[in-house]
């Protein structure tokens, strides 16, 4: 870890890795728990974000609980030299929750751009995938959709005690 990642940072990450406290003033609650000021909590989180130790702070909804029962990982075969440009365009779509580059596994797996799409039905997901295909146009050589059948894990990396 970074030299600037100290024991208080570690405790702060451990206190927030399952989510912020569900109270009206979560940073104040964390400050009380850690024995520091709310301003220090916010400054430390800002520094951890800027350094890349923490990638983001945001809401992670339960897609099933809000009615998105069809979840499809769309996979795309696009030119490697355009992956950053195309990935940013796909990732900017309001119905794509995350998009990323993955290595191909030729000859069986030609796909290098992945984009997660959620919908209330498979038909809705497929319509959104069709919109991605239209956006990519002829530069996309092939695509597919892998539908979720169950959730196995819904957490990121966790620091131990």
N, C-alpha and C. Protein backbone atom coordinates (compact mmCIF):
# COMPACT_ATOMS: atom_id res chain seq x y z
N UNK A 1 0.84 -1.19 0.00
CA UNK A 1 0.00 0.00 0.00
C UNK A 1 0.89 1.25 0.00
N UNK A 2 0.27 2.33 -0.29
CA UNK A 2 0.97 3.61 -0.35
C UNK A 2 1.47 4.02 1.04
N UNK A 3 2.56 4.79 1.04
CA UNK A 3 3.08 5.31 2.31
C UNK A 3 2.06 6.22 2.99
N UNK A 4 1.18 6.85 2.21
CA UNK A 4 0.21 7.77 2.79
C UNK A 4 -1.04 7.06 3.31
N UNK A 5 -1.07 5.74 3.21
CA UNK A 5 -2.20 4.96 3.70
C UNK A 5 -1.88 4.52 5.11
N UNK A 6 -2.46 5.21 6.10
CA UNK A 6 -2.11 4.93 7.49
C UNK A 6 -3.21 4.12 8.19
N UNK A 7 -3.03 3.93 9.49
CA UNK A 7 -3.97 3.11 10.27
C UNK A 7 -5.38 3.71 10.29
N UNK A 8 -5.47 5.03 10.31
CA UNK A 8 -6.79 5.67 10.31
C UNK A 8 -7.47 5.45 8.95
N UNK A 9 -6.69 5.57 7.86
CA UNK A 9 -7.24 5.30 6.54
C UNK A 9 -7.77 3.87 6.47
N UNK A 10 -7.00 2.94 6.99
CA UNK A 10 -7.41 1.52 6.97
C UNK A 10 -8.73 1.35 7.72
N UNK A 11 -8.83 1.95 8.90
CA UNK A 11 -10.07 1.84 9.68
C UNK A 11 -11.24 2.50 8.94
N UNK A 12 -10.96 3.62 8.24
CA UNK A 12 -12.00 4.30 7.47
C UNK A 12 -12.48 3.42 6.31
N UNK A 13 -11.56 2.81 5.60
CA UNK A 13 -11.94 1.91 4.51
C UNK A 13 -12.73 0.72 5.05
N UNK A 14 -12.28 0.14 6.15
CA UNK A 14 -13.01 -0.98 6.74
C UNK A 14 -14.41 -0.56 7.18
N UNK A 15 -14.54 0.66 7.69
CA UNK A 15 -15.84 1.14 8.17
C UNK A 15 -16.80 1.44 7.02
N UNK A 16 -16.27 1.67 5.82
CA UNK A 16 -17.13 2.05 4.69
C UNK A 16 -17.23 0.99 3.60
N UNK A 17 -16.45 -0.08 3.67
CA UNK A 17 -16.43 -1.02 2.55
C UNK A 17 -17.74 -1.75 2.34
N UNK A 18 -18.59 -1.83 3.35
CA UNK A 18 -19.92 -2.42 3.16
C UNK A 18 -20.95 -1.34 2.86
N UNK A 19 -20.51 -0.09 2.76
CA UNK A 19 -21.41 1.03 2.47
C UNK A 19 -21.35 2.08 3.55
N UNK A 20 -21.76 3.27 3.19
CA UNK A 20 -21.83 4.36 4.17
C UNK A 20 -22.96 4.09 5.14
N UNK A 21 -22.85 4.58 6.36
CA UNK A 21 -23.96 4.42 7.31
C UNK A 21 -25.24 5.04 6.73
N UNK A 22 -26.35 4.37 6.89
CA UNK A 22 -27.63 4.85 6.37
C UNK A 22 -28.29 5.79 7.37
N UNK A 23 -27.66 6.95 7.52
CA UNK A 23 -28.14 7.99 8.42
C UNK A 23 -28.08 9.31 7.65
N UNK A 24 -28.69 10.36 8.21
CA UNK A 24 -28.73 11.64 7.50
C UNK A 24 -27.36 12.29 7.36
N UNK A 25 -26.44 11.99 8.26
CA UNK A 25 -25.10 12.59 8.21
C UNK A 25 -24.04 11.48 8.34
N UNK A 26 -23.83 10.71 7.26
CA UNK A 26 -22.95 9.55 7.34
C UNK A 26 -21.50 9.89 7.69
N UNK A 27 -20.99 11.03 7.22
CA UNK A 27 -19.60 11.37 7.53
C UNK A 27 -19.43 11.73 9.00
N UNK A 28 -20.46 12.31 9.58
CA UNK A 28 -20.42 12.61 11.02
C UNK A 28 -20.45 11.31 11.83
N UNK A 29 -21.27 10.37 11.38
CA UNK A 29 -21.35 9.07 12.06
C UNK A 29 -19.99 8.36 12.01
N UNK A 30 -19.35 8.37 10.83
CA UNK A 30 -18.02 7.76 10.69
C UNK A 30 -17.00 8.46 11.57
N UNK A 31 -17.08 9.78 11.61
CA UNK A 31 -16.13 10.56 12.42
C UNK A 31 -16.25 10.16 13.88
N UNK A 32 -17.46 10.04 14.36
CA UNK A 32 -17.67 9.63 15.75
C UNK A 32 -17.11 8.24 16.00
N UNK A 33 -17.38 7.33 15.08
CA UNK A 33 -16.90 5.96 15.20
C UNK A 33 -15.37 5.89 15.21
N UNK A 34 -14.71 6.74 14.40
CA UNK A 34 -13.25 6.69 14.26
C UNK A 34 -12.51 7.64 15.19
N UNK A 35 -13.24 8.52 15.87
CA UNK A 35 -12.59 9.47 16.77
C UNK A 35 -11.86 10.59 16.04
N UNK A 36 -12.38 10.99 14.88
CA UNK A 36 -11.82 12.11 14.13
C UNK A 36 -12.96 13.04 13.76
N UNK A 37 -12.66 14.17 13.13
CA UNK A 37 -13.70 15.12 12.76
C UNK A 37 -14.35 14.74 11.43
N UNK A 38 -15.58 15.19 11.20
CA UNK A 38 -16.21 14.95 9.89
C UNK A 38 -15.38 15.53 8.74
N UNK A 39 -14.76 16.69 8.96
CA UNK A 39 -13.92 17.30 7.92
C UNK A 39 -12.74 16.38 7.59
N UNK A 40 -12.18 15.74 8.61
CA UNK A 40 -11.07 14.82 8.35
C UNK A 40 -11.54 13.58 7.60
N UNK A 41 -12.73 13.07 7.93
CA UNK A 41 -13.29 11.94 7.19
C UNK A 41 -13.39 12.30 5.72
N UNK A 42 -13.97 13.47 5.43
CA UNK A 42 -14.15 13.89 4.03
C UNK A 42 -12.82 14.13 3.34
N UNK A 43 -11.86 14.74 4.03
CA UNK A 43 -10.55 14.99 3.44
C UNK A 43 -9.83 13.68 3.14
N UNK A 44 -9.90 12.74 4.07
CA UNK A 44 -9.24 11.45 3.86
C UNK A 44 -9.89 10.69 2.70
N UNK A 45 -11.21 10.68 2.63
CA UNK A 45 -11.87 10.00 1.52
C UNK A 45 -11.51 10.67 0.19
N UNK A 46 -11.45 11.99 0.17
CA UNK A 46 -11.07 12.70 -1.06
C UNK A 46 -9.65 12.32 -1.48
N UNK A 47 -8.73 12.23 -0.52
CA UNK A 47 -7.35 11.85 -0.82
C UNK A 47 -7.27 10.41 -1.31
N UNK A 48 -8.03 9.52 -0.68
CA UNK A 48 -8.04 8.11 -1.09
C UNK A 48 -8.62 7.95 -2.50
N UNK A 49 -9.63 8.75 -2.82
CA UNK A 49 -10.18 8.73 -4.18
C UNK A 49 -9.15 9.25 -5.18
N UNK A 50 -8.54 10.38 -4.86
CA UNK A 50 -7.57 10.99 -5.77
C UNK A 50 -6.37 10.07 -6.01
N UNK A 51 -5.94 9.35 -4.98
CA UNK A 51 -4.78 8.47 -5.12
C UNK A 51 -5.12 7.15 -5.82
N UNK A 52 -6.42 6.85 -5.94
CA UNK A 52 -6.82 5.60 -6.57
C UNK A 52 -6.95 4.44 -5.60
N UNK A 53 -6.63 4.65 -4.33
CA UNK A 53 -6.80 3.57 -3.34
C UNK A 53 -8.28 3.21 -3.23
N UNK A 54 -9.15 4.22 -3.23
CA UNK A 54 -10.59 4.03 -3.31
C UNK A 54 -10.99 4.48 -4.70
N UNK A 55 -11.69 3.61 -5.43
CA UNK A 55 -12.05 3.95 -6.81
C UNK A 55 -13.27 4.83 -6.93
N UNK A 56 -14.25 4.63 -6.05
CA UNK A 56 -15.44 5.46 -6.13
C UNK A 56 -16.25 5.34 -4.85
N UNK A 57 -17.06 6.34 -4.63
CA UNK A 57 -18.05 6.32 -3.56
C UNK A 57 -19.38 6.58 -4.26
N UNK A 58 -20.28 5.64 -4.16
CA UNK A 58 -21.56 5.80 -4.84
C UNK A 58 -22.57 4.78 -4.38
N UNK A 59 -23.78 4.98 -4.82
CA UNK A 59 -24.86 4.05 -4.50
C UNK A 59 -24.74 2.81 -5.38
N UNK A 60 -25.00 1.66 -4.79
CA UNK A 60 -25.01 0.40 -5.53
C UNK A 60 -26.39 -0.22 -5.30
N UNK A 61 -27.31 0.05 -6.24
CA UNK A 61 -28.66 -0.47 -6.03
C UNK A 61 -28.73 -1.97 -6.26
N UNK A 62 -29.69 -2.60 -5.61
CA UNK A 62 -30.01 -3.99 -5.86
C UNK A 62 -30.94 -3.99 -7.07
N UNK A 63 -30.44 -4.38 -8.22
CA UNK A 63 -31.21 -4.28 -9.46
C UNK A 63 -32.51 -5.07 -9.39
N UNK A 64 -32.46 -6.23 -8.76
CA UNK A 64 -33.67 -7.04 -8.67
C UNK A 64 -34.72 -6.34 -7.82
N UNK A 65 -34.32 -5.69 -6.74
CA UNK A 65 -35.27 -5.04 -5.84
C UNK A 65 -35.97 -3.86 -6.50
N UNK A 66 -35.34 -3.22 -7.49
CA UNK A 66 -35.97 -2.08 -8.15
C UNK A 66 -36.60 -2.46 -9.49
N UNK A 67 -36.74 -3.77 -9.72
CA UNK A 67 -37.50 -4.23 -10.88
C UNK A 67 -36.70 -4.65 -12.09
N UNK A 68 -35.38 -4.57 -12.04
CA UNK A 68 -34.57 -5.02 -13.17
C UNK A 68 -34.25 -6.49 -12.98
N UNK A 69 -35.11 -7.33 -13.50
CA UNK A 69 -34.96 -8.77 -13.31
C UNK A 69 -34.20 -9.46 -14.43
N UNK A 70 -33.96 -8.74 -15.51
CA UNK A 70 -33.15 -9.28 -16.62
C UNK A 70 -31.84 -8.50 -16.65
N UNK A 71 -30.75 -9.21 -16.55
CA UNK A 71 -29.43 -8.59 -16.52
C UNK A 71 -28.57 -9.29 -17.55
N UNK A 72 -28.05 -8.52 -18.49
CA UNK A 72 -27.26 -9.12 -19.56
C UNK A 72 -25.90 -8.46 -19.71
N UNK A 73 -24.87 -9.28 -19.73
CA UNK A 73 -23.54 -8.79 -20.04
C UNK A 73 -23.40 -8.86 -21.56
N UNK A 74 -23.41 -7.70 -22.20
CA UNK A 74 -23.21 -7.70 -23.65
C UNK A 74 -21.72 -7.72 -23.93
N UNK A 75 -21.33 -8.50 -24.92
CA UNK A 75 -19.92 -8.65 -25.27
C UNK A 75 -19.75 -8.32 -26.74
N UNK A 76 -18.66 -7.61 -27.05
CA UNK A 76 -18.49 -7.01 -28.36
C UNK A 76 -17.08 -7.26 -28.90
N UNK A 77 -17.01 -7.53 -30.18
CA UNK A 77 -15.73 -7.69 -30.88
C UNK A 77 -15.51 -6.41 -31.67
N UNK A 78 -14.65 -5.55 -31.14
CA UNK A 78 -14.33 -4.27 -31.80
C UNK A 78 -12.81 -4.18 -31.97
N UNK A 79 -12.35 -3.34 -32.88
CA UNK A 79 -10.90 -3.21 -33.09
C UNK A 79 -10.17 -2.78 -31.81
N UNK A 80 -9.11 -3.49 -31.49
CA UNK A 80 -8.34 -3.18 -30.27
C UNK A 80 -7.84 -1.73 -30.25
N UNK A 81 -7.47 -1.21 -31.41
CA UNK A 81 -6.93 0.14 -31.44
C UNK A 81 -8.00 1.22 -31.18
N UNK A 82 -9.27 0.81 -31.15
CA UNK A 82 -10.35 1.77 -30.88
C UNK A 82 -11.09 1.47 -29.57
N UNK A 83 -10.56 0.53 -28.79
CA UNK A 83 -11.28 0.06 -27.60
C UNK A 83 -11.55 1.19 -26.60
N UNK A 84 -10.59 2.08 -26.37
CA UNK A 84 -10.81 3.17 -25.41
C UNK A 84 -11.93 4.09 -25.86
N UNK A 85 -11.86 4.52 -27.11
CA UNK A 85 -12.87 5.43 -27.66
C UNK A 85 -14.26 4.78 -27.63
N UNK A 86 -14.35 3.56 -28.12
CA UNK A 86 -15.65 2.88 -28.19
C UNK A 86 -16.17 2.53 -26.81
N UNK A 87 -15.28 2.09 -25.92
CA UNK A 87 -15.69 1.78 -24.56
C UNK A 87 -16.25 2.99 -23.84
N UNK A 88 -15.63 4.15 -24.05
CA UNK A 88 -16.15 5.38 -23.42
C UNK A 88 -17.53 5.73 -23.97
N UNK A 89 -17.73 5.56 -25.26
CA UNK A 89 -19.03 5.87 -25.86
C UNK A 89 -20.11 4.93 -25.33
N UNK A 90 -19.79 3.64 -25.25
CA UNK A 90 -20.76 2.67 -24.73
C UNK A 90 -21.00 2.91 -23.24
N UNK A 91 -19.93 3.14 -22.48
CA UNK A 91 -20.06 3.37 -21.05
C UNK A 91 -20.84 4.63 -20.70
N UNK A 92 -20.91 5.58 -21.62
CA UNK A 92 -21.64 6.83 -21.38
C UNK A 92 -23.16 6.67 -21.55
N UNK A 93 -23.59 5.56 -22.13
CA UNK A 93 -25.03 5.34 -22.30
C UNK A 93 -25.69 5.20 -20.94
N UNK A 94 -26.85 5.83 -20.76
CA UNK A 94 -27.47 5.84 -19.44
C UNK A 94 -27.97 4.48 -18.98
N UNK A 95 -28.07 3.52 -19.87
CA UNK A 95 -28.54 2.19 -19.48
C UNK A 95 -27.40 1.18 -19.32
N UNK A 96 -26.17 1.61 -19.49
CA UNK A 96 -25.01 0.74 -19.28
C UNK A 96 -24.45 1.05 -17.90
N UNK A 97 -24.44 0.06 -17.01
CA UNK A 97 -23.96 0.31 -15.65
C UNK A 97 -22.45 0.24 -15.55
N UNK A 98 -21.81 -0.55 -16.38
CA UNK A 98 -20.35 -0.56 -16.43
C UNK A 98 -19.89 -1.18 -17.74
N UNK A 99 -18.78 -0.65 -18.22
CA UNK A 99 -18.20 -1.14 -19.47
C UNK A 99 -16.70 -1.27 -19.26
N UNK A 100 -16.11 -2.31 -19.82
CA UNK A 100 -14.69 -2.48 -19.63
C UNK A 100 -14.06 -3.34 -20.72
N UNK A 101 -12.76 -3.25 -20.80
CA UNK A 101 -11.96 -3.98 -21.78
C UNK A 101 -11.49 -5.28 -21.14
N UNK A 102 -11.63 -6.37 -21.87
CA UNK A 102 -11.13 -7.67 -21.43
C UNK A 102 -10.37 -8.29 -22.59
N UNK A 103 -9.36 -9.10 -22.29
CA UNK A 103 -8.60 -9.72 -23.38
C UNK A 103 -9.42 -10.77 -24.11
N UNK A 104 -9.18 -10.88 -25.38
CA UNK A 104 -9.80 -11.92 -26.20
C UNK A 104 -9.17 -13.26 -25.82
N UNK A 105 -9.86 -14.35 -26.07
CA UNK A 105 -9.34 -15.71 -25.89
C UNK A 105 -9.60 -16.46 -27.18
N UNK A 106 -8.82 -16.08 -28.20
CA UNK A 106 -9.00 -16.66 -29.53
C UNK A 106 -8.55 -18.12 -29.56
N UNK A 107 -9.19 -18.94 -30.37
CA UNK A 107 -10.22 -18.59 -31.34
C UNK A 107 -11.64 -18.66 -30.77
N UNK A 108 -11.81 -19.18 -29.55
CA UNK A 108 -13.15 -19.39 -29.00
C UNK A 108 -13.87 -18.11 -28.59
N UNK A 109 -13.11 -17.12 -28.11
CA UNK A 109 -13.74 -15.94 -27.52
C UNK A 109 -13.18 -14.67 -28.16
N UNK A 110 -13.86 -14.11 -29.16
CA UNK A 110 -13.32 -12.94 -29.88
C UNK A 110 -13.65 -11.60 -29.23
N UNK A 111 -14.38 -11.60 -28.14
CA UNK A 111 -14.92 -10.35 -27.58
C UNK A 111 -13.91 -9.64 -26.67
N UNK A 112 -13.84 -8.31 -26.81
CA UNK A 112 -12.90 -7.52 -26.02
C UNK A 112 -13.55 -6.34 -25.30
N UNK A 113 -14.80 -6.03 -25.59
CA UNK A 113 -15.52 -4.95 -24.93
C UNK A 113 -16.75 -5.55 -24.26
N UNK A 114 -16.88 -5.30 -22.95
CA UNK A 114 -18.00 -5.83 -22.19
C UNK A 114 -18.82 -4.66 -21.67
N UNK A 115 -20.16 -4.79 -21.67
CA UNK A 115 -21.03 -3.72 -21.16
C UNK A 115 -22.25 -4.36 -20.50
N UNK A 116 -22.45 -4.05 -19.23
CA UNK A 116 -23.58 -4.62 -18.46
C UNK A 116 -24.83 -3.79 -18.68
N UNK A 117 -25.92 -4.48 -18.99
CA UNK A 117 -27.20 -3.84 -19.26
C UNK A 117 -28.26 -4.51 -18.39
N UNK A 118 -29.13 -3.71 -17.79
CA UNK A 118 -30.22 -4.23 -16.95
C UNK A 118 -31.55 -3.81 -17.54
N UNK A 119 -32.58 -4.64 -17.34
CA UNK A 119 -33.91 -4.31 -17.80
C UNK A 119 -34.96 -5.10 -17.06
N UNK A 120 -36.20 -4.74 -17.29
CA UNK A 120 -37.30 -5.44 -16.66
C UNK A 120 -37.63 -6.76 -17.33
N UNK A 121 -37.08 -6.97 -18.53
CA UNK A 121 -37.31 -8.22 -19.26
C UNK A 121 -36.13 -8.46 -20.20
N UNK A 122 -36.02 -9.68 -20.69
CA UNK A 122 -34.97 -9.97 -21.68
C UNK A 122 -35.17 -9.13 -22.93
N UNK A 123 -36.43 -8.93 -23.32
CA UNK A 123 -36.71 -8.13 -24.52
C UNK A 123 -36.19 -6.71 -24.34
N UNK A 124 -36.37 -6.15 -23.15
CA UNK A 124 -35.86 -4.80 -22.88
C UNK A 124 -34.34 -4.76 -22.95
N UNK A 125 -33.69 -5.75 -22.38
CA UNK A 125 -32.22 -5.82 -22.46
C UNK A 125 -31.78 -5.94 -23.91
N UNK A 126 -32.44 -6.81 -24.67
CA UNK A 126 -32.07 -6.99 -26.07
C UNK A 126 -32.27 -5.71 -26.88
N UNK A 127 -33.30 -4.92 -26.56
CA UNK A 127 -33.51 -3.64 -27.24
C UNK A 127 -32.37 -2.68 -26.92
N UNK A 128 -31.91 -2.69 -25.69
CA UNK A 128 -30.78 -1.83 -25.30
C UNK A 128 -29.49 -2.29 -25.98
N UNK A 129 -29.31 -3.59 -26.09
CA UNK A 129 -28.14 -4.13 -26.78
C UNK A 129 -28.20 -3.74 -28.26
N UNK A 130 -29.39 -3.73 -28.84
CA UNK A 130 -29.53 -3.30 -30.24
C UNK A 130 -29.13 -1.83 -30.39
N UNK A 131 -29.42 -1.01 -29.37
CA UNK A 131 -29.01 0.40 -29.42
C UNK A 131 -27.48 0.52 -29.37
N UNK A 132 -26.84 -0.35 -28.59
CA UNK A 132 -25.36 -0.34 -28.56
C UNK A 132 -24.83 -0.75 -29.93
N UNK A 133 -25.44 -1.78 -30.52
CA UNK A 133 -25.00 -2.23 -31.85
C UNK A 133 -25.13 -1.11 -32.88
N UNK A 134 -26.21 -0.35 -32.77
CA UNK A 134 -26.40 0.78 -33.69
C UNK A 134 -25.33 1.85 -33.45
N UNK A 135 -25.02 2.12 -32.20
CA UNK A 135 -23.99 3.09 -31.86
C UNK A 135 -22.63 2.66 -32.42
N UNK A 136 -22.30 1.40 -32.26
CA UNK A 136 -21.00 0.90 -32.73
C UNK A 136 -20.95 0.78 -34.25
N UNK A 137 -22.08 0.47 -34.87
CA UNK A 137 -22.14 0.38 -36.32
C UNK A 137 -21.27 -0.74 -36.87
N UNK A 138 -20.81 -0.57 -38.11
CA UNK A 138 -20.07 -1.64 -38.77
C UNK A 138 -18.69 -1.92 -38.17
N UNK A 139 -18.22 -1.05 -37.29
CA UNK A 139 -16.93 -1.31 -36.63
C UNK A 139 -17.01 -2.54 -35.73
N UNK A 140 -18.24 -2.89 -35.28
CA UNK A 140 -18.44 -4.08 -34.46
C UNK A 140 -18.55 -5.29 -35.37
N UNK A 141 -17.68 -6.26 -35.14
CA UNK A 141 -17.64 -7.45 -35.98
C UNK A 141 -18.59 -8.54 -35.49
N UNK A 142 -18.85 -8.59 -34.18
CA UNK A 142 -19.74 -9.60 -33.61
C UNK A 142 -20.11 -9.17 -32.19
N UNK A 143 -21.22 -9.69 -31.69
CA UNK A 143 -21.60 -9.45 -30.29
C UNK A 143 -22.51 -10.57 -29.82
N UNK A 144 -22.69 -10.62 -28.51
CA UNK A 144 -23.57 -11.59 -27.90
C UNK A 144 -24.04 -11.01 -26.57
N UNK A 145 -24.98 -11.67 -25.93
CA UNK A 145 -25.46 -11.26 -24.61
C UNK A 145 -25.48 -12.48 -23.72
N UNK A 146 -24.88 -12.35 -22.55
CA UNK A 146 -24.86 -13.42 -21.56
C UNK A 146 -25.80 -12.99 -20.43
N UNK A 147 -26.92 -13.67 -20.29
CA UNK A 147 -27.89 -13.29 -19.27
C UNK A 147 -27.55 -13.92 -17.92
N UNK A 148 -27.73 -13.14 -16.86
CA UNK A 148 -27.50 -13.65 -15.50
C UNK A 148 -28.59 -14.65 -15.14
N UNK A 149 -28.19 -15.68 -14.42
CA UNK A 149 -29.17 -16.63 -13.92
C UNK A 149 -29.28 -16.59 -12.41
N UNK A 150 -28.21 -16.12 -11.74
CA UNK A 150 -28.25 -15.94 -10.29
C UNK A 150 -27.06 -15.07 -9.87
N UNK A 151 -27.17 -14.47 -8.67
CA UNK A 151 -26.10 -13.64 -8.13
C UNK A 151 -25.23 -14.52 -7.24
N UNK A 152 -23.95 -14.56 -7.51
CA UNK A 152 -23.03 -15.34 -6.69
C UNK A 152 -22.28 -14.46 -5.69
N UNK A 153 -21.97 -13.23 -6.09
CA UNK A 153 -21.20 -12.33 -5.22
C UNK A 153 -21.59 -10.91 -5.59
N UNK A 154 -21.75 -10.06 -4.61
CA UNK A 154 -22.15 -8.69 -4.87
C UNK A 154 -21.30 -7.73 -4.04
N UNK A 155 -20.00 -8.03 -3.92
CA UNK A 155 -19.12 -7.18 -3.14
C UNK A 155 -17.81 -7.00 -3.87
N UNK A 156 -17.09 -5.97 -3.51
CA UNK A 156 -15.74 -5.76 -4.03
C UNK A 156 -14.72 -6.30 -3.06
N UNK A 157 -13.49 -5.92 -3.25
CA UNK A 157 -12.41 -6.30 -2.35
C UNK A 157 -12.71 -5.82 -0.94
N UNK A 158 -12.43 -6.64 0.04
CA UNK A 158 -12.64 -6.28 1.44
C UNK A 158 -11.30 -6.38 2.19
N UNK A 159 -10.98 -5.36 2.96
CA UNK A 159 -9.80 -5.40 3.82
C UNK A 159 -10.14 -6.17 5.08
N UNK A 160 -9.26 -7.03 5.52
CA UNK A 160 -9.46 -7.76 6.77
C UNK A 160 -9.07 -6.90 7.95
N UNK A 161 -9.33 -7.41 9.11
CA UNK A 161 -9.02 -6.67 10.34
C UNK A 161 -7.53 -6.55 10.58
